[in-house]
Amino acid sequence: MEHLPCFVRSSMILPWARLPWSESGYLLIIDFHTHIYPEPSAERTLTAVQGRAGISSFSDGTLRGLVQSMDKAGIDLSVVCSVATKPGMVESTHQWLENIGNHRILPFATMHPDRPVGLEEVENLKQRGFKGFKIHPDYQGFFVDDRRVYPFYEAVQATGMIILFHAGLDRGLPDPIHSTPKRLAKVHGDFPFLRMVAAHMGGEAVFEETERVLLGRDIFMDTSFVLRLMPSALLERFMKKHPVERILYGSDSPWTDQGEELSFLMGLPFLSESEKEKIAGKNAAELLGLPKSLSPAL
């Protein structure tokens, strides 16, 4: 997998003319939450999710479709999330993710609760170029605070890698919700140095609980899927109560339009230009260990 610092030294994707850039250069725009699927199964997967969840797709779900969407939106880098729904899928998923990783695509690794993962394997994945993991307890059949995955959390915390947690409701999946704000808060309490990202601003359908137990904690949240769905007053309250340095732009592509999500974010009247830049890319760049801007000379 190509190392991302090479990307920022050698490439200048798009001049983001829509934003007032800092003197340091062009802001690196990062979508922290996207999905793509292997080409042979992409159409089938999109059809299944659309039917189950009652949602639309805004690309064809392939690597090529995501890059085309990024070009249109002016996005420099996308974090790609993939979930192993069976233990036997883990290594083949990692091999596929390694093959698609490049200067614009940063895949996160996967795991499965029925396949124990220790420190040695986590360190190996880090050496292979992965900067984090994506887990989806609803699809993978475990509660996020299940003790059987605590050795995995401990190993990830020890390596300084990231875990992006699905949070809250996933449309069309049966109850219960396996990754609630209360359960995520329990994990954070037990692993205070774990670099956690709670997707969907803490979770669709559980915003009240998120506001009570997650806002203000040293946990990142991404805006994926819910940015334009949250009532304006609620969204403003979340972004004022939670540290802006801990909020990440994410689209959940292909399940929203990357450009429309980003434009909505940049138009929010209650955020300063500096706060918008942090959410659009600077926070993610710092979390991922990347430069926060591209030099105009590149």
C-alpha atoms as a PDB file:
ATOM      1  CA  MET A   1       0.000   0.000   0.000  1.00  0.00           C
ATOM      2  CA  GLU A   2       1.395   3.397  -0.970  1.00  0.00           C
ATOM      3  CA  HIS A   3       2.421   5.619   1.934  1.00  0.00           C
ATOM      4  CA  LEU A   4       0.327   8.778   2.156  1.00  0.00           C
ATOM      5  CA  PRO A   5       3.154  11.280   2.769  1.00  0.00           C
ATOM      6  CA  CYS A   6       4.251  10.554  -0.811  1.00  0.00           C
ATOM      7  CA  PHE A   7       0.834  11.769  -1.912  1.00  0.00           C
ATOM      8  CA  VAL A   8       1.168  15.178  -0.351  1.00  0.00           C
ATOM      9  CA  ARG A   9       4.689  15.657  -1.669  1.00  0.00           C
ATOM     10  CA  SER A  10       4.018  14.621  -5.229  1.00  0.00           C
ATOM     11  CA  SER A  11       0.391  15.471  -6.022  1.00  0.00           C
ATOM     12  CA  MET A  12      -1.804  18.532  -6.146  1.00  0.00           C
ATOM     13  CA  ILE A  13      -5.287  17.304  -6.875  1.00  0.00           C
ATOM     14  CA  LEU A  14      -7.539  20.336  -7.056  1.00  0.00           C
ATOM     15  CA  PRO A  15      -7.251  24.013  -6.085  1.00  0.00           C
ATOM     16  CA  TRP A  16     -10.183  24.392  -3.692  1.00  0.00           C
ATOM     17  CA  ALA A  17     -11.285  27.751  -5.039  1.00  0.00           C
ATOM     18  CA  ARG A  18     -14.433  27.678  -2.927  1.00  0.00           C
ATOM     19  CA  LEU A  19     -12.538  28.235   0.304  1.00  0.00           C
ATOM     20  CA  PRO A  20     -10.207  30.979   1.603  1.00  0.00           C
ATOM     21  CA  TRP A  21      -6.973  29.100   2.134  1.00  0.00           C
ATOM     22  CA  SER A  22      -4.388  29.752   4.788  1.00  0.00           C
ATOM     23  CA  GLU A  23      -0.943  31.035   3.933  1.00  0.00           C
ATOM     24  CA  SER A  24       0.456  27.512   4.342  1.00  0.00           C
ATOM     25  CA  GLY A  25      -1.159  26.314   1.106  1.00  0.00           C
ATOM     26  CA  TYR A  26      -4.237  24.518  -0.130  1.00  0.00           C
ATOM     27  CA  LEU A  27      -6.262  22.709   2.498  1.00  0.00           C
ATOM     28  CA  LEU A  28      -6.233  18.923   2.201  1.00  0.00           C
ATOM     29  CA  ILE A  29      -9.892  17.848   1.939  1.00  0.00           C
ATOM     30  CA  ILE A  30     -10.464  14.433   3.502  1.00  0.00           C
ATOM     31  CA  ASP A  31     -13.628  12.350   3.490  1.00  0.00           C
ATOM     32  CA  PHE A  32     -13.187  10.135   6.542  1.00  0.00           C
ATOM     33  CA  HIS A  33     -16.019   7.681   5.823  1.00  0.00           C
ATOM     34  CA  THR A  34     -16.654   6.058   2.437  1.00  0.00           C
ATOM     35  CA  HIS A  35     -17.489   2.604   1.118  1.00  0.00           C
ATOM     36  CA  ILE A  36     -16.620   0.767  -2.069  1.00  0.00           C
ATOM     37  CA  TYR A  37     -17.002  -2.854  -3.104  1.00  0.00           C
ATOM     38  CA  PRO A  38     -15.172  -5.251  -5.449  1.00  0.00           C
ATOM     39  CA  GLU A  39     -16.396  -4.685  -9.001  1.00  0.00           C
ATOM     40  CA  PRO A  40     -17.920  -8.165  -9.437  1.00  0.00           C
ATOM     41  CA  SER A  41     -20.181  -7.661  -6.406  1.00  0.00           C
ATOM     42  CA  ALA A  42     -20.705  -3.883  -6.318  1.00  0.00           C
ATOM     43  CA  GLU A  43     -24.004  -3.773  -8.210  1.00  0.00           C
ATOM     44  CA  ARG A  44     -25.428  -6.658  -6.201  1.00  0.00           C
ATOM     45  CA  THR A  45     -24.367  -5.061  -2.908  1.00  0.00           C
ATOM     46  CA  LEU A  46     -25.861  -1.689  -3.792  1.00  0.00           C
ATOM     47  CA  THR A  47     -29.148  -3.304  -4.784  1.00  0.00           C
ATOM     48  CA  ALA A  48     -29.315  -5.271  -1.534  1.00  0.00           C
ATOM     49  CA  VAL A  49     -28.602  -2.276   0.704  1.00  0.00           C
ATOM     50  CA  GLN A  50     -30.978  -0.020  -1.218  1.00  0.00           C
ATOM     51  CA  GLY A  51     -33.751  -2.565  -0.823  1.00  0.00           C
ATOM     52  CA  ARG A  52     -33.089  -3.167   2.861  1.00  0.00           C
ATOM     53  CA  ALA A  53     -32.483   0.407   3.976  1.00  0.00           C
ATOM     54  CA  GLY A  54     -34.641   2.322   1.522  1.00  0.00           C
ATOM     55  CA  ILE A  55     -31.791   4.647   0.555  1.00  0.00           C
ATOM     56  CA  SER A  56     -30.265   5.734  -2.753  1.00  0.00           C
ATOM     57  CA  SER A  57     -26.694   5.409  -4.009  1.00  0.00           C
ATOM     58  CA  PHE A  58     -24.795   8.293  -5.585  1.00  0.00           C
ATOM     59  CA  SER A  59     -22.043   6.312  -7.311  1.00  0.00           C
ATOM     60  CA  ASP A  60     -21.713   2.796  -8.668  1.00  0.00           C
ATOM     61  CA  GLY A  61     -19.954   1.619  -5.496  1.00  0.00           C
ATOM     62  CA  THR A  62     -16.633   0.867  -7.212  1.00  0.00           C
ATOM     63  CA  LEU A  63     -13.168   2.359  -6.791  1.00  0.00           C
ATOM     64  CA  ARG A  64     -13.520   4.146 -10.114  1.00  0.00           C
ATOM     65  CA  GLY A  65     -16.900   5.537  -9.108  1.00  0.00           C
ATOM     66  CA  LEU A  66     -15.515   6.878  -5.841  1.00  0.00           C
ATOM     67  CA  VAL A  67     -12.584   8.609  -7.526  1.00  0.00           C
ATOM     68  CA  GLN A  68     -14.940  10.190 -10.063  1.00  0.00           C
ATOM     69  CA  SER A  69     -17.092  11.426  -7.183  1.00  0.00           C
ATOM     70  CA  MET A  70     -14.022  12.805  -5.422  1.00  0.00           C
ATOM     71  CA  ASP A  71     -12.907  14.632  -8.558  1.00  0.00           C
ATOM     72  CA  LYS A  72     -16.318  16.209  -8.936  1.00  0.00           C
ATOM     73  CA  ALA A  73     -16.477  17.224  -5.268  1.00  0.00           C
ATOM     74  CA  GLY A  74     -12.880  18.434  -4.961  1.00  0.00           C
ATOM     75  CA  ILE A  75     -11.905  15.840  -2.371  1.00  0.00           C
ATOM     76  CA  ASP A  76      -8.244  14.889  -2.138  1.00  0.00           C
ATOM     77  CA  LEU A  77      -8.374  11.761   0.004  1.00  0.00           C
ATOM     78  CA  SER A  78     -11.044   9.269   1.059  1.00  0.00           C
ATOM     79  CA  VAL A  79     -10.863   6.764   3.896  1.00  0.00           C
ATOM     80  CA  VAL A  80     -12.439   3.525   2.676  1.00  0.00           C
ATOM     81  CA  CYS A  81     -14.286   1.318   5.155  1.00  0.00           C
ATOM     82  CA  SER A  82     -14.920  -2.373   4.637  1.00  0.00           C
ATOM     83  CA  VAL A  83     -16.431  -4.845   7.102  1.00  0.00           C
ATOM     84  CA  ALA A  84     -15.731  -8.575   7.336  1.00  0.00           C
ATOM     85  CA  THR A  85     -19.041 -10.246   8.179  1.00  0.00           C
ATOM     86  CA  LYS A  86     -17.410 -13.682   8.602  1.00  0.00           C
ATOM     87  CA  PRO A  87     -14.091 -14.602  10.250  1.00  0.00           C
ATOM     88  CA  GLY A  88     -12.823 -16.176   7.047  1.00  0.00           C
ATOM     89  CA  MET A  89     -13.241 -12.921   5.139  1.00  0.00           C
ATOM     90  CA  VAL A  90     -10.701 -10.925   7.156  1.00  0.00           C
ATOM     91  CA  GLU A  91      -7.443 -11.673   5.337  1.00  0.00           C
ATOM     92  CA  SER A  92      -8.929 -11.689   1.828  1.00  0.00           C
ATOM     93  CA  THR A  93     -10.524  -8.319   2.620  1.00  0.00           C
ATOM     94  CA  HIS A  94      -7.148  -6.977   3.741  1.00  0.00           C
ATOM     95  CA  GLN A  95      -5.534  -8.174   0.517  1.00  0.00           C
ATOM     96  CA  TRP A  96      -8.202  -6.445  -1.556  1.00  0.00           C
ATOM     97  CA  LEU A  97      -7.879  -3.266   0.483  1.00  0.00           C
ATOM     98  CA  GLU A  98      -4.107  -3.262   0.006  1.00  0.00           C
ATOM     99  CA  ASN A  99      -4.594  -3.563  -3.744  1.00  0.00           C
ATOM    100  CA  ILE A 100      -6.913  -0.546  -3.960  1.00  0.00           C
ATOM    101  CA  GLY A 101      -4.909   1.743  -1.674  1.00  0.00           C
ATOM    102  CA  ASN A 102      -3.165   4.604  -3.460  1.00  0.00           C
ATOM    103  CA  HIS A 103      -2.389   8.305  -3.139  1.00  0.00           C
ATOM    104  CA  ARG A 104      -6.100   9.167  -2.933  1.00  0.00           C
ATOM    105  CA  ILE A 105      -7.556   6.099  -1.250  1.00  0.00           C
ATOM    106  CA  LEU A 106      -6.712   5.200   2.348  1.00  0.00           C
ATOM    107  CA  PRO A 107      -8.316   1.888   3.351  1.00  0.00           C
ATOM    108  CA  PHE A 108      -8.933   0.961   6.976  1.00  0.00           C
ATOM    109  CA  ALA A 109      -8.423  -2.633   8.066  1.00  0.00           C
ATOM    110  CA  THR A 110     -11.173  -4.909   9.322  1.00  0.00           C
ATOM    111  CA  MET A 111     -11.561  -7.542  12.059  1.00  0.00           C
ATOM    112  CA  HIS A 112     -14.149 -10.037  13.240  1.00  0.00           C
ATOM    113  CA  PRO A 113     -15.044 -10.782  16.875  1.00  0.00           C
ATOM    114  CA  ASP A 114     -14.934 -14.540  16.260  1.00  0.00           C
ATOM    115  CA  ARG A 115     -11.350 -14.287  15.013  1.00  0.00           C
ATOM    116  CA  PRO A 116      -9.145 -13.113  17.910  1.00  0.00           C
ATOM    117  CA  VAL A 117      -6.654 -10.370  17.061  1.00  0.00           C
ATOM    118  CA  GLY A 118      -3.609  -9.748  19.229  1.00  0.00           C
ATOM    119  CA  LEU A 119      -0.868  -7.169  19.376  1.00  0.00           C
ATOM    120  CA  GLU A 120       1.387  -8.949  16.887  1.00  0.00           C
ATOM    121  CA  GLU A 121      -1.264  -8.978  14.150  1.00  0.00           C
ATOM    122  CA  VAL A 122      -2.267  -5.376  14.787  1.00  0.00           C
ATOM    123  CA  GLU A 123       1.380  -4.306  14.571  1.00  0.00           C
ATOM    124  CA  ASN A 124       1.722  -6.283  11.329  1.00  0.00           C
ATOM    125  CA  LEU A 125      -1.278  -4.515   9.827  1.00  0.00           C
ATOM    126  CA  LYS A 126       0.239  -1.191  10.805  1.00  0.00           C
ATOM    127  CA  GLN A 127       3.470  -2.190   9.063  1.00  0.00           C
ATOM    128  CA  ARG A 128       1.433  -3.093   5.960  1.00  0.00           C
ATOM    129  CA  GLY A 129       0.244   0.515   5.813  1.00  0.00           C
ATOM    130  CA  PHE A 130      -3.122   0.474   7.566  1.00  0.00           C
ATOM    131  CA  LYS A 131      -3.727   3.416   9.880  1.00  0.00           C
ATOM    132  CA  GLY A 132      -6.929   2.184  11.466  1.00  0.00           C
ATOM    133  CA  PHE A 133      -9.832  -0.259  11.562  1.00  0.00           C
ATOM    134  CA  LYS A 134     -13.529  -0.029  10.762  1.00  0.00           C
ATOM    135  CA  ILE A 135     -15.916  -2.150  12.809  1.00  0.00           C
ATOM    136  CA  HIS A 136     -19.679  -2.512  12.445  1.00  0.00           C
ATOM    137  CA  PRO A 137     -21.095  -4.411  15.438  1.00  0.00           C
ATOM    138  CA  ASP A 138     -24.575  -4.720  13.894  1.00  0.00           C
ATOM    139  CA  TYR A 139     -23.257  -6.556  10.843  1.00  0.00           C
ATOM    140  CA  GLN A 140     -20.659  -8.475  12.839  1.00  0.00           C
ATOM    141  CA  GLY A 141     -22.926  -9.628  15.652  1.00  0.00           C
ATOM    142  CA  PHE A 142     -21.394  -8.257  18.827  1.00  0.00           C
ATOM    143  CA  PHE A 143     -21.978  -5.464  21.304  1.00  0.00           C
ATOM    144  CA  VAL A 144     -19.286  -2.861  21.116  1.00  0.00           C
ATOM    145  CA  ASP A 145     -18.442  -3.253  24.819  1.00  0.00           C
ATOM    146  CA  ASP A 146     -18.308  -7.064  24.635  1.00  0.00           C
ATOM    147  CA  ARG A 147     -15.336  -8.222  26.708  1.00  0.00           C
ATOM    148  CA  ARG A 148     -14.231 -10.670  24.029  1.00  0.00           C
ATOM    149  CA  VAL A 149     -13.060  -7.784  21.828  1.00  0.00           C
ATOM    150  CA  TYR A 150     -11.226  -5.986  24.635  1.00  0.00           C
ATOM    151  CA  PRO A 151      -7.865  -7.615  23.755  1.00  0.00           C
ATOM    152  CA  PHE A 152      -8.296  -6.145  20.260  1.00  0.00           C
ATOM    153  CA  TYR A 153      -8.999  -2.680  21.674  1.00  0.00           C
ATOM    154  CA  GLU A 154      -5.984  -3.010  23.955  1.00  0.00           C
ATOM    155  CA  ALA A 155      -3.741  -3.910  21.021  1.00  0.00           C
ATOM    156  CA  VAL A 156      -5.012  -1.047  18.876  1.00  0.00           C
ATOM    157  CA  GLN A 157      -4.571   1.388  21.752  1.00  0.00           C
ATOM    158  CA  ALA A 158      -0.989   0.164  22.255  1.00  0.00           C
ATOM    159  CA  THR A 159      -0.088   0.770  18.589  1.00  0.00           C
ATOM    160  CA  GLY A 160      -1.746   4.184  18.347  1.00  0.00           C
ATOM    161  CA  MET A 161      -3.971   3.068  15.487  1.00  0.00           C
ATOM    162  CA  ILE A 162      -7.558   4.296  15.024  1.00  0.00           C
ATOM    163  CA  ILE A 163     -10.898   2.517  15.286  1.00  0.00           C
ATOM    164  CA  LEU A 164     -13.842   3.922  13.341  1.00  0.00           C
ATOM    165  CA  PHE A 165     -16.960   2.557  15.062  1.00  0.00           C
ATOM    166  CA  HIS A 166     -20.311   2.378  13.378  1.00  0.00           C
ATOM    167  CA  ALA A 167     -22.645   4.061  15.865  1.00  0.00           C
ATOM    168  CA  GLY A 168     -26.391   4.062  16.297  1.00  0.00           C
ATOM    169  CA  LEU A 169     -29.057   2.834  13.920  1.00  0.00           C
ATOM    170  CA  ASP A 170     -28.277   1.144  10.622  1.00  0.00           C
ATOM    171  CA  ARG A 171     -31.418   1.431   8.547  1.00  0.00           C
ATOM    172  CA  GLY A 172     -33.152  -1.832   7.809  1.00  0.00           C
ATOM    173  CA  LEU A 173     -31.193  -3.931  10.291  1.00  0.00           C
ATOM    174  CA  PRO A 174     -33.149  -5.478  13.184  1.00  0.00           C
ATOM    175  CA  ASP A 175     -32.841  -4.405  16.790  1.00  0.00           C
ATOM    176  CA  PRO A 176     -30.945  -4.246  19.012  1.00  0.00           C
ATOM    177  CA  ILE A 177     -28.482  -1.473  18.228  1.00  0.00           C
ATOM    178  CA  HIS A 178     -25.108  -2.976  19.106  1.00  0.00           C
ATOM    179  CA  SER A 179     -23.103   0.253  19.218  1.00  0.00           C
ATOM    180  CA  THR A 180     -24.988   2.766  21.354  1.00  0.00           C
ATOM    181  CA  PRO A 181     -23.498   5.956  22.814  1.00  0.00           C
ATOM    182  CA  LYS A 182     -23.598   4.431  26.329  1.00  0.00           C
ATOM    183  CA  ARG A 183     -21.664   1.379  25.177  1.00  0.00           C
ATOM    184  CA  LEU A 184     -19.148   3.559  23.303  1.00  0.00           C
ATOM    185  CA  ALA A 185     -18.713   5.665  26.433  1.00  0.00           C
ATOM    186  CA  LYS A 186     -17.992   2.456  28.359  1.00  0.00           C
ATOM    187  CA  VAL A 187     -15.293   1.500  25.854  1.00  0.00           C
ATOM    188  CA  HIS A 188     -13.804   4.987  26.082  1.00  0.00           C
ATOM    189  CA  GLY A 189     -13.759   4.778  29.865  1.00  0.00           C
ATOM    190  CA  ASP A 190     -11.998   1.418  29.753  1.00  0.00           C
ATOM    191  CA  PHE A 191      -9.554   2.492  27.011  1.00  0.00           C
ATOM    192  CA  PRO A 192      -9.034   6.240  27.527  1.00  0.00           C
ATOM    193  CA  PHE A 193      -6.102   6.434  25.098  1.00  0.00           C
ATOM    194  CA  LEU A 194      -7.791   4.515  22.293  1.00  0.00           C
ATOM    195  CA  ARG A 195      -8.187   6.756  19.248  1.00  0.00           C
ATOM    196  CA  MET A 196     -11.932   6.351  18.713  1.00  0.00           C
ATOM    197  CA  VAL A 197     -14.121   7.745  15.946  1.00  0.00           C
ATOM    198  CA  ALA A 198     -17.884   7.416  16.434  1.00  0.00           C
ATOM    199  CA  ALA A 199     -19.541   7.474  13.032  1.00  0.00           C
ATOM    200  CA  HIS A 200     -22.725   9.351  12.183  1.00  0.00           C
ATOM    201  CA  MET A 201     -22.240  11.990  14.916  1.00  0.00           C
ATOM    202  CA  GLY A 202     -22.723   9.317  17.542  1.00  0.00           C
ATOM    203  CA  GLY A 203     -25.507   7.498  15.729  1.00  0.00           C
ATOM    204  CA  GLU A 204     -28.760   8.092  13.905  1.00  0.00           C
ATOM    205  CA  ALA A 205     -31.809   7.640  16.152  1.00  0.00           C
ATOM    206  CA  VAL A 206     -29.757   7.967  19.369  1.00  0.00           C
ATOM    207  CA  PHE A 207     -28.791  11.648  19.284  1.00  0.00           C
ATOM    208  CA  GLU A 208     -30.363  12.371  22.678  1.00  0.00           C
ATOM    209  CA  GLU A 209     -28.205   9.684  24.273  1.00  0.00           C
ATOM    210  CA  THR A 210     -25.152  10.914  22.361  1.00  0.00           C
ATOM    211  CA  GLU A 211     -25.692  14.405  23.730  1.00  0.00           C
ATOM    212  CA  ARG A 212     -25.868  13.066  27.276  1.00  0.00           C
ATOM    213  CA  VAL A 213     -22.899  10.701  27.305  1.00  0.00           C
ATOM    214  CA  LEU A 214     -20.523  11.386  24.391  1.00  0.00           C
ATOM    215  CA  LEU A 215     -20.402  15.111  23.687  1.00  0.00           C
ATOM    216  CA  GLY A 216     -17.346  16.696  25.245  1.00  0.00           C
ATOM    217  CA  ARG A 217     -15.379  13.459  25.498  1.00  0.00           C
ATOM    218  CA  ASP A 218     -12.013  12.984  23.818  1.00  0.00           C
ATOM    219  CA  ILE A 219     -13.681  10.999  21.028  1.00  0.00           C
ATOM    220  CA  PHE A 220     -13.823  11.934  17.359  1.00  0.00           C
ATOM    221  CA  MET A 221     -17.160  11.972  15.539  1.00  0.00           C
ATOM    222  CA  ASP A 222     -17.733  11.958  11.809  1.00  0.00           C
ATOM    223  CA  THR A 223     -20.597  13.630   9.983  1.00  0.00           C
ATOM    224  CA  SER A 224     -21.335  10.711   7.659  1.00  0.00           C
ATOM    225  CA  PHE A 225     -24.904  10.270   6.422  1.00  0.00           C
ATOM    226  CA  VAL A 226     -26.530  12.410   9.114  1.00  0.00           C
ATOM    227  CA  LEU A 227     -25.092  15.855   8.362  1.00  0.00           C
ATOM    228  CA  ARG A 228     -28.079  17.032   6.323  1.00  0.00           C
ATOM    229  CA  LEU A 229     -30.583  14.883   8.248  1.00  0.00           C
ATOM    230  CA  MET A 230     -30.040  16.336  11.706  1.00  0.00           C
ATOM    231  CA  PRO A 231     -32.314  19.269  12.578  1.00  0.00           C
ATOM    232  CA  SER A 232     -30.341  22.499  12.253  1.00  0.00           C
ATOM    233  CA  ALA A 233     -30.634  23.423  15.918  1.00  0.00           C
ATOM    234  CA  LEU A 234     -29.491  19.964  17.003  1.00  0.00           C
ATOM    235  CA  LEU A 235     -26.531  19.993  14.617  1.00  0.00           C
ATOM    236  CA  GLU A 236     -25.473  23.418  15.857  1.00  0.00           C
ATOM    237  CA  ARG A 237     -25.756  22.296  19.466  1.00  0.00           C
ATOM    238  CA  PHE A 238     -23.625  19.209  18.774  1.00  0.00           C
ATOM    239  CA  MET A 239     -20.937  21.240  17.019  1.00  0.00           C
ATOM    240  CA  LYS A 240     -20.833  23.775  19.838  1.00  0.00           C
ATOM    241  CA  LYS A 241     -20.829  21.257  22.686  1.00  0.00           C
ATOM    242  CA  HIS A 242     -18.285  18.878  21.174  1.00  0.00           C
ATOM    243  CA  PRO A 243     -14.708  20.082  20.549  1.00  0.00           C
ATOM    244  CA  VAL A 244     -14.514  21.170  16.913  1.00  0.00           C
ATOM    245  CA  GLU A 245     -11.065  19.571  16.779  1.00  0.00           C
ATOM    246  CA  ARG A 246     -12.809  16.228  17.279  1.00  0.00           C
ATOM    247  CA  ILE A 247     -15.277  16.485  14.370  1.00  0.00           C
ATOM    248  CA  LEU A 248     -14.468  14.970  10.966  1.00  0.00           C
ATOM    249  CA  TYR A 249     -16.146  15.435   7.606  1.00  0.00           C
ATOM    250  CA  GLY A 250     -17.455  12.116   6.310  1.00  0.00           C
ATOM    251  CA  SER A 251     -19.996  11.415   3.595  1.00  0.00           C
ATOM    252  CA  ASP A 252     -20.807   7.675   3.844  1.00  0.00           C
ATOM    253  CA  SER A 253     -20.446   7.584   0.032  1.00  0.00           C
ATOM    254  CA  PRO A 254     -22.023   6.042  -1.991  1.00  0.00           C
ATOM    255  CA  TRP A 255     -24.995   6.567   0.322  1.00  0.00           C
ATOM    256  CA  THR A 256     -24.780  10.360   0.070  1.00  0.00           C
ATOM    257  CA  ASP A 257     -23.307  12.704  -2.530  1.00  0.00           C
ATOM    258  CA  GLN A 258     -19.808  13.722  -1.432  1.00  0.00           C
ATOM    259  CA  GLY A 259     -19.982  17.158  -3.029  1.00  0.00           C
ATOM    260  CA  GLU A 260     -23.398  18.021  -1.642  1.00  0.00           C
ATOM    261  CA  GLU A 261     -22.349  16.959   1.849  1.00  0.00           C
ATOM    262  CA  LEU A 262     -19.166  19.018   1.679  1.00  0.00           C
ATOM    263  CA  SER A 263     -20.924  22.079   0.287  1.00  0.00           C
ATOM    264  CA  PHE A 264     -23.513  21.860   3.065  1.00  0.00           C
ATOM    265  CA  LEU A 265     -20.761  21.714   5.661  1.00  0.00           C
ATOM    266  CA  MET A 266     -18.948  24.708   4.198  1.00  0.00           C
ATOM    267  CA  GLY A 267     -22.201  26.691   4.183  1.00  0.00           C
ATOM    268  CA  LEU A 268     -23.118  26.191   7.827  1.00  0.00           C
ATOM    269  CA  PRO A 269     -23.677  29.712   9.224  1.00  0.00           C
ATOM    270  CA  PHE A 270     -22.763  28.882  12.819  1.00  0.00           C
ATOM    271  CA  LEU A 271     -19.220  27.711  12.003  1.00  0.00           C
ATOM    272  CA  SER A 272     -16.285  30.050  11.442  1.00  0.00           C
ATOM    273  CA  GLU A 273     -14.068  29.575   8.398  1.00  0.00           C
ATOM    274  CA  SER A 274     -11.363  28.189  10.652  1.00  0.00           C
ATOM    275  CA  GLU A 275     -13.779  25.645  12.143  1.00  0.00           C
ATOM    276  CA  LYS A 276     -14.940  24.570   8.685  1.00  0.00           C
ATOM    277  CA  GLU A 277     -11.343  23.993   7.578  1.00  0.00           C
ATOM    278  CA  LYS A 278     -10.685  21.865  10.643  1.00  0.00           C
ATOM    279  CA  ILE A 279     -13.724  19.665  10.017  1.00  0.00           C
ATOM    280  CA  ALA A 280     -13.160  19.455   6.256  1.00  0.00           C
ATOM    281  CA  GLY A 281      -9.624  18.173   6.499  1.00  0.00           C
ATOM    282  CA  LYS A 282      -7.256  19.512   9.135  1.00  0.00           C
ATOM    283  CA  ASN A 283      -8.589  17.358  11.962  1.00  0.00           C
ATOM    284  CA  ALA A 284      -8.443  14.213   9.841  1.00  0.00           C
ATOM    285  CA  ALA A 285      -4.957  15.038   8.585  1.00  0.00           C
ATOM    286  CA  GLU A 286      -3.712  15.412  12.145  1.00  0.00           C
ATOM    287  CA  LEU A 287      -5.405  12.189  13.255  1.00  0.00           C
ATOM    288  CA  LEU A 288      -3.930  10.295  10.298  1.00  0.00           C
ATOM    289  CA  GLY A 289      -0.493  11.853  10.680  1.00  0.00           C
ATOM    290  CA  LEU A 290      -0.596  13.749   7.377  1.00  0.00           C
ATOM    291  CA  PRO A 291       0.266  17.347   6.500  1.00  0.00           C
ATOM    292  CA  LYS A 292      -2.789  19.582   6.884  1.00  0.00           C
ATOM    293  CA  SER A 293      -2.278  21.438   3.597  1.00  0.00           C
ATOM    294  CA  LEU A 294      -0.651  21.149   0.200  1.00  0.00           C
ATOM    295  CA  SER A 295       2.049  23.602  -0.733  1.00  0.00           C
ATOM    296  CA  PRO A 296       1.068  25.806  -3.691  1.00  0.00           C
ATOM    297  CA  ALA A 297       4.458  24.964  -5.149  1.00  0.00           C
ATOM    298  CA  LEU A 298       3.651  21.272  -5.485  1.00  0.00           C
END
